N, C-alpha and C. Protein backbone atom coordinates (compact mmCIF):
# COMPACT_ATOMS: atom_id res chain seq x y z
N UNK A 1 0.85 -1.19 0.00
CA UNK A 1 0.00 0.00 0.00
C UNK A 1 0.89 1.24 0.00
N UNK A 2 0.57 2.19 -0.83
CA UNK A 2 1.36 3.42 -0.95
C UNK A 2 1.12 4.31 0.25
N UNK A 3 2.20 4.98 0.67
CA UNK A 3 2.06 5.90 1.78
C UNK A 3 1.42 7.19 1.28
N UNK A 4 0.76 7.93 2.15
CA UNK A 4 0.13 9.17 1.72
C UNK A 4 1.19 10.22 1.36
N UNK A 5 0.83 11.11 0.48
CA UNK A 5 1.74 12.20 0.09
C UNK A 5 1.76 13.22 1.22
N UNK A 6 2.96 13.65 1.58
CA UNK A 6 3.11 14.69 2.61
C UNK A 6 3.66 15.94 1.93
N UNK A 7 3.28 17.09 2.45
CA UNK A 7 3.78 18.34 1.87
C UNK A 7 5.30 18.42 1.95
N UNK A 8 5.90 17.76 2.93
CA UNK A 8 7.36 17.76 3.02
C UNK A 8 7.99 16.97 1.88
N UNK A 9 7.20 16.18 1.16
CA UNK A 9 7.69 15.46 -0.04
C UNK A 9 7.63 16.35 -1.28
N UNK A 10 7.00 17.49 -1.18
CA UNK A 10 6.81 18.36 -2.34
C UNK A 10 8.13 18.76 -3.00
N UNK A 11 9.19 19.10 -2.26
CA UNK A 11 10.44 19.45 -2.95
C UNK A 11 10.98 18.31 -3.80
N UNK A 12 10.80 17.08 -3.33
CA UNK A 12 11.27 15.92 -4.10
C UNK A 12 10.45 15.75 -5.37
N UNK A 13 9.15 15.95 -5.27
CA UNK A 13 8.30 15.83 -6.46
C UNK A 13 8.63 16.95 -7.45
N UNK A 14 8.86 18.15 -6.94
CA UNK A 14 9.25 19.25 -7.82
C UNK A 14 10.56 18.94 -8.54
N UNK A 15 11.53 18.40 -7.78
CA UNK A 15 12.82 18.05 -8.37
C UNK A 15 12.65 16.99 -9.45
N UNK A 16 11.84 16.00 -9.17
CA UNK A 16 11.60 14.93 -10.13
C UNK A 16 10.96 15.48 -11.40
N UNK A 17 10.05 16.44 -11.22
CA UNK A 17 9.34 17.03 -12.35
C UNK A 17 10.17 18.13 -13.03
N UNK A 18 11.28 18.52 -12.40
CA UNK A 18 12.12 19.57 -12.97
C UNK A 18 11.49 20.95 -12.87
N UNK A 19 10.78 21.20 -11.77
CA UNK A 19 10.06 22.45 -11.58
C UNK A 19 10.61 23.16 -10.35
N UNK A 20 10.96 24.43 -10.49
CA UNK A 20 11.43 25.20 -9.34
C UNK A 20 10.23 25.64 -8.49
N UNK A 21 10.51 26.14 -7.30
CA UNK A 21 9.44 26.65 -6.44
C UNK A 21 8.72 27.81 -7.13
N UNK A 22 9.48 28.66 -7.82
CA UNK A 22 8.88 29.79 -8.53
C UNK A 22 7.98 29.34 -9.67
N UNK A 23 8.42 28.33 -10.42
CA UNK A 23 7.60 27.82 -11.52
C UNK A 23 6.31 27.19 -10.99
N UNK A 24 6.43 26.44 -9.91
CA UNK A 24 5.23 25.83 -9.32
C UNK A 24 4.28 26.91 -8.81
N UNK A 25 4.84 27.93 -8.18
CA UNK A 25 4.01 29.03 -7.68
C UNK A 25 3.23 29.68 -8.82
N UNK A 26 3.90 29.92 -9.96
CA UNK A 26 3.21 30.51 -11.11
C UNK A 26 2.11 29.59 -11.63
N UNK A 27 2.40 28.30 -11.71
CA UNK A 27 1.40 27.34 -12.20
C UNK A 27 0.17 27.31 -11.29
N UNK A 28 0.41 27.43 -9.98
CA UNK A 28 -0.68 27.34 -9.01
C UNK A 28 -1.31 28.69 -8.68
N UNK A 29 -0.74 29.77 -9.26
CA UNK A 29 -1.24 31.13 -9.01
C UNK A 29 -1.15 31.50 -7.54
N UNK A 30 0.03 31.21 -6.96
CA UNK A 30 0.31 31.58 -5.56
C UNK A 30 1.69 32.22 -5.53
N UNK A 31 2.07 32.73 -4.38
CA UNK A 31 3.40 33.30 -4.22
C UNK A 31 4.44 32.22 -3.96
N UNK A 32 5.68 32.52 -4.27
CA UNK A 32 6.78 31.58 -4.01
C UNK A 32 6.84 31.27 -2.51
N UNK A 33 6.62 32.29 -1.69
CA UNK A 33 6.66 32.10 -0.24
C UNK A 33 5.60 31.07 0.20
N UNK A 34 4.45 31.03 -0.47
CA UNK A 34 3.43 30.02 -0.15
C UNK A 34 4.01 28.62 -0.32
N UNK A 35 4.64 28.39 -1.47
CA UNK A 35 5.22 27.07 -1.77
C UNK A 35 6.29 26.73 -0.72
N UNK A 36 7.14 27.69 -0.40
CA UNK A 36 8.19 27.46 0.59
C UNK A 36 7.60 27.13 1.96
N UNK A 37 6.56 27.82 2.34
CA UNK A 37 5.92 27.57 3.65
C UNK A 37 5.23 26.20 3.68
N UNK A 38 4.63 25.78 2.56
CA UNK A 38 4.03 24.45 2.49
C UNK A 38 5.10 23.39 2.68
N UNK A 39 6.20 23.56 1.95
CA UNK A 39 7.28 22.57 2.00
C UNK A 39 7.92 22.48 3.38
N UNK A 40 7.93 23.58 4.11
CA UNK A 40 8.51 23.60 5.45
C UNK A 40 7.48 23.22 6.52
N UNK A 41 6.28 22.87 6.09
CA UNK A 41 5.18 22.50 7.01
C UNK A 41 4.81 23.64 7.95
N UNK A 42 5.00 24.87 7.50
CA UNK A 42 4.61 26.03 8.30
C UNK A 42 3.11 26.27 8.20
N UNK A 43 2.55 26.02 7.03
CA UNK A 43 1.11 26.18 6.80
C UNK A 43 0.63 25.08 5.87
N UNK A 44 -0.65 24.83 5.89
CA UNK A 44 -1.29 23.89 4.98
C UNK A 44 -2.16 24.71 4.04
N UNK A 45 -2.02 24.51 2.74
CA UNK A 45 -2.84 25.30 1.81
C UNK A 45 -4.33 25.02 2.04
N UNK A 46 -5.11 26.05 1.83
CA UNK A 46 -6.55 25.95 2.06
C UNK A 46 -7.32 26.30 0.79
N UNK A 47 -8.54 25.84 0.71
CA UNK A 47 -9.46 26.21 -0.37
C UNK A 47 -8.92 25.96 -1.76
N UNK A 48 -8.99 27.00 -2.60
CA UNK A 48 -8.60 26.89 -3.99
C UNK A 48 -7.12 26.54 -4.14
N UNK A 49 -6.29 27.04 -3.24
CA UNK A 49 -4.85 26.73 -3.30
C UNK A 49 -4.64 25.23 -3.13
N UNK A 50 -5.35 24.62 -2.18
CA UNK A 50 -5.22 23.18 -1.95
C UNK A 50 -5.73 22.40 -3.15
N UNK A 51 -6.83 22.83 -3.73
CA UNK A 51 -7.38 22.13 -4.91
C UNK A 51 -6.39 22.17 -6.07
N UNK A 52 -5.80 23.34 -6.33
CA UNK A 52 -4.84 23.45 -7.42
C UNK A 52 -3.59 22.61 -7.14
N UNK A 53 -3.13 22.63 -5.88
CA UNK A 53 -1.96 21.83 -5.53
C UNK A 53 -2.25 20.35 -5.68
N UNK A 54 -3.38 19.89 -5.19
CA UNK A 54 -3.76 18.46 -5.34
C UNK A 54 -3.82 18.06 -6.81
N UNK A 55 -4.38 18.92 -7.63
CA UNK A 55 -4.49 18.63 -9.06
C UNK A 55 -3.09 18.49 -9.67
N UNK A 56 -2.18 19.41 -9.33
CA UNK A 56 -0.82 19.35 -9.88
C UNK A 56 -0.12 18.09 -9.41
N UNK A 57 -0.23 17.77 -8.12
CA UNK A 57 0.41 16.56 -7.59
C UNK A 57 -0.13 15.32 -8.31
N UNK A 58 -1.45 15.23 -8.42
CA UNK A 58 -2.07 14.08 -9.09
C UNK A 58 -1.60 13.97 -10.54
N UNK A 59 -1.50 15.11 -11.23
CA UNK A 59 -1.07 15.06 -12.63
C UNK A 59 0.37 14.57 -12.74
N UNK A 60 1.23 14.93 -11.79
CA UNK A 60 2.61 14.47 -11.81
C UNK A 60 2.70 12.98 -11.48
N UNK A 61 1.94 12.54 -10.50
CA UNK A 61 1.97 11.13 -10.11
C UNK A 61 1.40 10.24 -11.20
N UNK A 62 0.44 10.76 -11.97
CA UNK A 62 -0.14 9.98 -13.07
C UNK A 62 0.88 9.72 -14.17
N UNK A 63 1.88 10.58 -14.29
CA UNK A 63 2.90 10.42 -15.32
C UNK A 63 3.95 9.38 -14.95
N UNK A 64 3.93 8.92 -13.71
CA UNK A 64 4.98 8.03 -13.22
C UNK A 64 4.50 6.59 -13.12
N UNK A 65 5.47 5.69 -13.07
CA UNK A 65 5.18 4.26 -13.01
C UNK A 65 4.40 3.87 -11.77
N UNK A 66 4.87 4.29 -10.63
CA UNK A 66 4.22 3.93 -9.38
C UNK A 66 4.13 5.14 -8.49
N UNK A 67 3.21 5.12 -7.54
CA UNK A 67 3.00 6.29 -6.70
C UNK A 67 4.22 6.71 -5.89
N UNK A 68 5.14 5.79 -5.63
CA UNK A 68 6.31 6.16 -4.83
C UNK A 68 7.61 6.07 -5.62
N UNK A 69 7.54 5.74 -6.90
CA UNK A 69 8.74 5.60 -7.71
C UNK A 69 9.53 6.90 -7.76
N UNK A 70 8.84 8.01 -7.89
CA UNK A 70 9.51 9.31 -7.95
C UNK A 70 10.31 9.59 -6.69
N UNK A 71 9.74 9.26 -5.54
CA UNK A 71 10.42 9.55 -4.28
C UNK A 71 11.68 8.71 -4.13
N UNK A 72 11.60 7.45 -4.47
CA UNK A 72 12.80 6.59 -4.41
C UNK A 72 13.88 7.10 -5.35
N UNK A 73 13.50 7.48 -6.56
CA UNK A 73 14.46 7.93 -7.56
C UNK A 73 15.13 9.24 -7.14
N UNK A 74 14.37 10.19 -6.67
CA UNK A 74 14.94 11.47 -6.28
C UNK A 74 15.84 11.31 -5.06
N UNK A 75 15.41 10.51 -4.10
CA UNK A 75 16.24 10.31 -2.92
C UNK A 75 17.55 9.60 -3.30
N UNK A 76 17.48 8.70 -4.28
CA UNK A 76 18.68 8.04 -4.76
C UNK A 76 19.64 9.06 -5.37
N UNK A 77 19.08 9.97 -6.20
CA UNK A 77 19.90 11.03 -6.81
C UNK A 77 20.52 11.93 -5.75
N UNK A 78 19.75 12.27 -4.72
CA UNK A 78 20.25 13.13 -3.65
C UNK A 78 21.40 12.45 -2.91
N UNK A 79 21.28 11.16 -2.67
CA UNK A 79 22.33 10.44 -1.97
C UNK A 79 23.62 10.40 -2.80
N UNK A 80 23.49 10.29 -4.12
CA UNK A 80 24.66 10.28 -4.99
C UNK A 80 25.42 11.61 -4.90
N UNK A 81 24.70 12.70 -4.76
CA UNK A 81 25.33 14.01 -4.64
C UNK A 81 26.24 14.05 -3.41
N UNK A 82 25.78 13.47 -2.32
CA UNK A 82 26.52 13.52 -1.08
C UNK A 82 27.71 12.57 -1.08
N UNK A 83 27.67 11.53 -1.90
CA UNK A 83 28.74 10.54 -1.95
C UNK A 83 29.92 11.00 -2.79
N UNK A 84 29.75 12.04 -3.58
CA UNK A 84 30.83 12.52 -4.46
C UNK A 84 31.95 13.13 -3.69
């Protein structure tokens, strides 16, 4: 069973999708600071912001093989950076 998506996983999903915080903010029609605060678990998006974020997350996960494949791949890439 796949684990639920957490907002703290958002930077990994953005990295996998090749999207910066600024690009995601523009796509979701929010400020960059909103995206940064979500990723830091300072706030949880509400209303229309949450709906747009859920839609973007779902669209990215639909493009991938498995619901957690992106997370494993990005974490693997991150570990390689530290091993250099």
